[in-house]
């Protein structure tokens, strides 16, 4: 029961993260007025393959995987006022259709991504928070000429820290 409660609490937290998202910097840390509530995330915590969902249900709210999953859920809350409501999932998982015109760069994002693709993307982001995933992120950062710097607990201002090498 405690794991299920953590899971439910994390799901509620992720659906309320809207004000923390960088799309609303002036409202960071404050509740949004009811009239401006955004739709739910396209990638809530419950939408991931069973193994990764089980890992979250056994995680603490402060675990790296839970934080990564919550961050991804918040990034995928469609906001009609930002990028025409498209989220990272829309861009990453977009498949051109007859309404897309590559010559003009116009794309039809009205077809939602497949559920299995959404689960795979969510699991990938969550995996990057595991020890193996973090090691691979450090390797990727090095290839790109950056170094990832871990922030001490309680010392974060909410902004990512990336040091160039």
C-alpha atoms as a PDB file:
ATOM      1  CA  UNK A   1       0.000   0.000   0.000  1.00  0.00           C
ATOM      2  CA  UNK A   2       2.772   2.578   0.720  1.00  0.00           C
ATOM      3  CA  UNK A   3       4.235   2.102  -2.783  1.00  0.00           C
ATOM      4  CA  UNK A   4       0.792   2.618  -4.326  1.00  0.00           C
ATOM      5  CA  UNK A   5       0.312   5.777  -2.229  1.00  0.00           C
ATOM      6  CA  UNK A   6       3.696   7.142  -3.397  1.00  0.00           C
ATOM      7  CA  UNK A   7       2.724   6.360  -6.979  1.00  0.00           C
ATOM      8  CA  UNK A   8      -0.626   8.139  -6.653  1.00  0.00           C
ATOM      9  CA  UNK A   9       1.006  11.114  -4.913  1.00  0.00           C
ATOM     10  CA  UNK A  10       3.643  11.372  -7.624  1.00  0.00           C
ATOM     11  CA  UNK A  11       0.946  11.275 -10.305  1.00  0.00           C
ATOM     12  CA  UNK A  12      -0.913  14.100  -8.544  1.00  0.00           C
ATOM     13  CA  UNK A  13       2.315  16.090  -8.195  1.00  0.00           C
ATOM     14  CA  UNK A  14       3.137  15.700 -11.873  1.00  0.00           C
ATOM     15  CA  UNK A  15      -0.283  16.890 -12.938  1.00  0.00           C
ATOM     16  CA  UNK A  16       0.196  19.978 -10.752  1.00  0.00           C
ATOM     17  CA  UNK A  17       3.729  20.850 -11.886  1.00  0.00           C
ATOM     18  CA  UNK A  18       2.465  23.242 -14.544  1.00  0.00           C
ATOM     19  CA  UNK A  19       3.557  26.341 -12.631  1.00  0.00           C
ATOM     20  CA  UNK A  20       7.101  25.013 -12.229  1.00  0.00           C
ATOM     21  CA  UNK A  21       7.600  24.415 -15.922  1.00  0.00           C
ATOM     22  CA  UNK A  22       9.825  26.989 -17.577  1.00  0.00           C
ATOM     23  CA  UNK A  23       6.972  27.948 -19.897  1.00  0.00           C
ATOM     24  CA  UNK A  24       5.581  29.932 -16.964  1.00  0.00           C
ATOM     25  CA  UNK A  25       8.640  31.574 -15.326  1.00  0.00           C
ATOM     26  CA  UNK A  26       6.694  34.402 -13.690  1.00  0.00           C
ATOM     27  CA  UNK A  27       4.430  31.921 -11.960  1.00  0.00           C
ATOM     28  CA  UNK A  28       7.182  29.540 -10.848  1.00  0.00           C
ATOM     29  CA  UNK A  29       6.285  28.133  -7.461  1.00  0.00           C
ATOM     30  CA  UNK A  30       2.740  29.487  -7.447  1.00  0.00           C
ATOM     31  CA  UNK A  31      -0.530  27.793  -8.266  1.00  0.00           C
ATOM     32  CA  UNK A  32      -2.061  28.703 -11.592  1.00  0.00           C
ATOM     33  CA  UNK A  33      -5.538  30.232 -11.584  1.00  0.00           C
ATOM     34  CA  UNK A  34      -8.231  27.621 -12.214  1.00  0.00           C
ATOM     35  CA  UNK A  35      -9.275  29.317 -15.449  1.00  0.00           C
ATOM     36  CA  UNK A  36      -5.810  28.752 -16.979  1.00  0.00           C
ATOM     37  CA  UNK A  37      -5.357  25.087 -16.079  1.00  0.00           C
ATOM     38  CA  UNK A  38      -3.669  23.174 -18.853  1.00  0.00           C
ATOM     39  CA  UNK A  39      -4.709  19.720 -20.055  1.00  0.00           C
ATOM     40  CA  UNK A  40      -3.092  16.660 -18.454  1.00  0.00           C
ATOM     41  CA  UNK A  41       0.318  15.452 -19.526  1.00  0.00           C
ATOM     42  CA  UNK A  42       0.572  13.313 -22.654  1.00  0.00           C
ATOM     43  CA  UNK A  43       3.079  11.216 -20.696  1.00  0.00           C
ATOM     44  CA  UNK A  44       1.795  10.780 -17.119  1.00  0.00           C
ATOM     45  CA  UNK A  45       3.683   8.505 -14.732  1.00  0.00           C
ATOM     46  CA  UNK A  46       1.324   5.607 -15.370  1.00  0.00           C
ATOM     47  CA  UNK A  47       2.118   5.608 -19.115  1.00  0.00           C
ATOM     48  CA  UNK A  48       5.289   3.537 -19.432  1.00  0.00           C
ATOM     49  CA  UNK A  49       6.138  -0.130 -19.855  1.00  0.00           C
ATOM     50  CA  UNK A  50       5.174  -2.321 -16.852  1.00  0.00           C
ATOM     51  CA  UNK A  51       8.774  -2.890 -15.674  1.00  0.00           C
ATOM     52  CA  UNK A  52       9.529   0.848 -15.544  1.00  0.00           C
ATOM     53  CA  UNK A  53       6.140   1.563 -13.961  1.00  0.00           C
ATOM     54  CA  UNK A  54       6.968  -1.019 -11.253  1.00  0.00           C
ATOM     55  CA  UNK A  55      10.315   0.690 -10.648  1.00  0.00           C
ATOM     56  CA  UNK A  56       8.477   3.988 -10.083  1.00  0.00           C
ATOM     57  CA  UNK A  57       5.923   2.421  -7.768  1.00  0.00           C
ATOM     58  CA  UNK A  58       8.823   1.259  -5.563  1.00  0.00           C
ATOM     59  CA  UNK A  59      10.751   4.548  -5.775  1.00  0.00           C
ATOM     60  CA  UNK A  60      10.758   7.380  -3.276  1.00  0.00           C
ATOM     61  CA  UNK A  61       9.508  10.786  -4.353  1.00  0.00           C
ATOM     62  CA  UNK A  62      13.073  12.135  -4.238  1.00  0.00           C
ATOM     63  CA  UNK A  63      14.671   9.350  -6.259  1.00  0.00           C
ATOM     64  CA  UNK A  64      16.366  10.315  -9.499  1.00  0.00           C
ATOM     65  CA  UNK A  65      13.995   8.130 -11.540  1.00  0.00           C
ATOM     66  CA  UNK A  66      10.901   9.699  -9.956  1.00  0.00           C
ATOM     67  CA  UNK A  67      12.282  13.197 -10.532  1.00  0.00           C
ATOM     68  CA  UNK A  68      13.080  12.396 -14.174  1.00  0.00           C
ATOM     69  CA  UNK A  69       9.642  10.861 -14.726  1.00  0.00           C
ATOM     70  CA  UNK A  70       7.937  13.874 -13.133  1.00  0.00           C
ATOM     71  CA  UNK A  71      10.013  16.284 -15.194  1.00  0.00           C
ATOM     72  CA  UNK A  72       9.112  14.428 -18.416  1.00  0.00           C
ATOM     73  CA  UNK A  73       5.415  14.395 -17.474  1.00  0.00           C
ATOM     74  CA  UNK A  74       5.537  18.159 -16.882  1.00  0.00           C
ATOM     75  CA  UNK A  75       7.366  18.808 -20.184  1.00  0.00           C
ATOM     76  CA  UNK A  76       4.548  17.040 -22.017  1.00  0.00           C
ATOM     77  CA  UNK A  77       1.631  19.098 -20.768  1.00  0.00           C
ATOM     78  CA  UNK A  78       0.254  20.736 -23.908  1.00  0.00           C
ATOM     79  CA  UNK A  79       0.044  24.510 -23.607  1.00  0.00           C
ATOM     80  CA  UNK A  80      -1.894  26.136 -26.467  1.00  0.00           C
ATOM     81  CA  UNK A  81       0.082  29.347 -25.888  1.00  0.00           C
ATOM     82  CA  UNK A  82       3.467  27.677 -26.399  1.00  0.00           C
ATOM     83  CA  UNK A  83       4.541  26.136 -29.708  1.00  0.00           C
ATOM     84  CA  UNK A  84       0.893  25.759 -30.752  1.00  0.00           C
ATOM     85  CA  UNK A  85       0.357  23.226 -27.955  1.00  0.00           C
ATOM     86  CA  UNK A  86       3.039  20.844 -29.204  1.00  0.00           C
ATOM     87  CA  UNK A  87       5.128  19.050 -26.618  1.00  0.00           C
ATOM     88  CA  UNK A  88       8.488  17.291 -26.961  1.00  0.00           C
ATOM     89  CA  UNK A  89       6.551  14.074 -27.633  1.00  0.00           C
ATOM     90  CA  UNK A  90       4.847  15.630 -30.645  1.00  0.00           C
ATOM     91  CA  UNK A  91       8.187  16.606 -32.145  1.00  0.00           C
ATOM     92  CA  UNK A  92      10.150  13.456 -31.257  1.00  0.00           C
ATOM     93  CA  UNK A  93       7.447  11.011 -32.308  1.00  0.00           C
ATOM     94  CA  UNK A  94       6.031  12.905 -35.307  1.00  0.00           C
ATOM     95  CA  UNK A  95       5.411  10.841 -38.421  1.00  0.00           C
ATOM     96  CA  UNK A  96       4.669  12.801 -41.546  1.00  0.00           C
ATOM     97  CA  UNK A  97       1.310  12.223 -43.179  1.00  0.00           C
ATOM     98  CA  UNK A  98      -0.441  13.503 -46.315  1.00  0.00           C
ATOM     99  CA  UNK A  99      -1.002  16.884 -44.639  1.00  0.00           C
ATOM    100  CA  UNK A 100       2.735  17.510 -44.149  1.00  0.00           C
ATOM    101  CA  UNK A 101       4.704  19.491 -46.716  1.00  0.00           C
ATOM    102  CA  UNK A 102       8.471  19.010 -46.370  1.00  0.00           C
ATOM    103  CA  UNK A 103       9.130  21.691 -49.006  1.00  0.00           C
ATOM    104  CA  UNK A 104       7.597  24.405 -46.828  1.00  0.00           C
ATOM    105  CA  UNK A 105       8.435  22.806 -43.482  1.00  0.00           C
ATOM    106  CA  UNK A 106       4.747  22.673 -42.551  1.00  0.00           C
ATOM    107  CA  UNK A 107       3.789  19.637 -40.510  1.00  0.00           C
ATOM    108  CA  UNK A 108       0.479  18.287 -39.286  1.00  0.00           C
ATOM    109  CA  UNK A 109       0.828  17.486 -35.597  1.00  0.00           C
ATOM    110  CA  UNK A 110      -2.869  16.692 -35.098  1.00  0.00           C
ATOM    111  CA  UNK A 111      -2.347  12.923 -35.070  1.00  0.00           C
ATOM    112  CA  UNK A 112      -1.372  11.874 -31.543  1.00  0.00           C
ATOM    113  CA  UNK A 113       1.679   9.639 -31.138  1.00  0.00           C
ATOM    114  CA  UNK A 114       1.081   5.921 -30.621  1.00  0.00           C
ATOM    115  CA  UNK A 115       0.755   4.827 -26.991  1.00  0.00           C
ATOM    116  CA  UNK A 116       3.629   2.348 -27.362  1.00  0.00           C
ATOM    117  CA  UNK A 117       5.885   5.153 -28.637  1.00  0.00           C
ATOM    118  CA  UNK A 118       4.904   7.391 -25.714  1.00  0.00           C
ATOM    119  CA  UNK A 119       5.724   4.545 -23.298  1.00  0.00           C
ATOM    120  CA  UNK A 120       9.110   3.975 -24.953  1.00  0.00           C
ATOM    121  CA  UNK A 121      10.017   7.676 -24.780  1.00  0.00           C
ATOM    122  CA  UNK A 122       8.963   7.891 -21.102  1.00  0.00           C
ATOM    123  CA  UNK A 123      10.934   4.758 -20.235  1.00  0.00           C
ATOM    124  CA  UNK A 124      14.012   6.168 -21.984  1.00  0.00           C
ATOM    125  CA  UNK A 125      13.895   9.419 -19.994  1.00  0.00           C
ATOM    126  CA  UNK A 126      13.354   7.457 -16.773  1.00  0.00           C
ATOM    127  CA  UNK A 127      16.250   5.129 -17.663  1.00  0.00           C
ATOM    128  CA  UNK A 128      18.597   8.114 -18.053  1.00  0.00           C
ATOM    129  CA  UNK A 129      18.067   8.714 -14.320  1.00  0.00           C
ATOM    130  CA  UNK A 130      19.354   5.237 -13.390  1.00  0.00           C
ATOM    131  CA  UNK A 131      23.037   4.771 -12.534  1.00  0.00           C
ATOM    132  CA  UNK A 132      23.739   3.254 -15.972  1.00  0.00           C
ATOM    133  CA  UNK A 133      21.770   5.997 -17.720  1.00  0.00           C
ATOM    134  CA  UNK A 134      23.566   8.755 -15.819  1.00  0.00           C
ATOM    135  CA  UNK A 135      26.887   7.228 -16.815  1.00  0.00           C
ATOM    136  CA  UNK A 136      25.789   7.234 -20.463  1.00  0.00           C
ATOM    137  CA  UNK A 137      24.622  10.856 -20.165  1.00  0.00           C
ATOM    138  CA  UNK A 138      28.057  11.826 -18.863  1.00  0.00           C
ATOM    139  CA  UNK A 139      29.608  10.010 -21.841  1.00  0.00           C
ATOM    140  CA  UNK A 140      27.293  11.795 -24.278  1.00  0.00           C
ATOM    141  CA  UNK A 141      28.028  15.162 -22.650  1.00  0.00           C
ATOM    142  CA  UNK A 142      31.759  14.497 -23.015  1.00  0.00           C
ATOM    143  CA  UNK A 143      31.333  13.669 -26.722  1.00  0.00           C
ATOM    144  CA  UNK A 144      29.459  16.979 -27.109  1.00  0.00           C
ATOM    145  CA  UNK A 145      32.172  18.903 -25.236  1.00  0.00           C
ATOM    146  CA  UNK A 146      30.284  19.376 -21.967  1.00  0.00           C
ATOM    147  CA  UNK A 147      30.553  17.998 -18.468  1.00  0.00           C
ATOM    148  CA  UNK A 148      27.486  17.363 -16.325  1.00  0.00           C
ATOM    149  CA  UNK A 149      27.821  18.710 -12.792  1.00  0.00           C
ATOM    150  CA  UNK A 150      25.721  17.183 -10.013  1.00  0.00           C
ATOM    151  CA  UNK A 151      24.119  19.765  -7.729  1.00  0.00           C
ATOM    152  CA  UNK A 152      24.274  19.099  -4.001  1.00  0.00           C
ATOM    153  CA  UNK A 153      20.894  18.263  -2.457  1.00  0.00           C
ATOM    154  CA  UNK A 154      19.120  21.391  -1.306  1.00  0.00           C
ATOM    155  CA  UNK A 155      21.452  23.676  -3.284  1.00  0.00           C
ATOM    156  CA  UNK A 156      19.537  23.782  -6.570  1.00  0.00           C
ATOM    157  CA  UNK A 157      17.918  26.945  -7.843  1.00  0.00           C
ATOM    158  CA  UNK A 158      15.954  24.816 -10.287  1.00  0.00           C
ATOM    159  CA  UNK A 159      18.229  25.562 -13.245  1.00  0.00           C
ATOM    160  CA  UNK A 160      20.385  22.854 -14.824  1.00  0.00           C
ATOM    161  CA  UNK A 161      24.122  23.148 -14.335  1.00  0.00           C
ATOM    162  CA  UNK A 162      26.266  22.235 -17.317  1.00  0.00           C
ATOM    163  CA  UNK A 163      29.936  23.107 -17.318  1.00  0.00           C
ATOM    164  CA  UNK A 164      31.854  23.351 -20.554  1.00  0.00           C
ATOM    165  CA  UNK A 165      35.164  21.538 -20.600  1.00  0.00           C
END
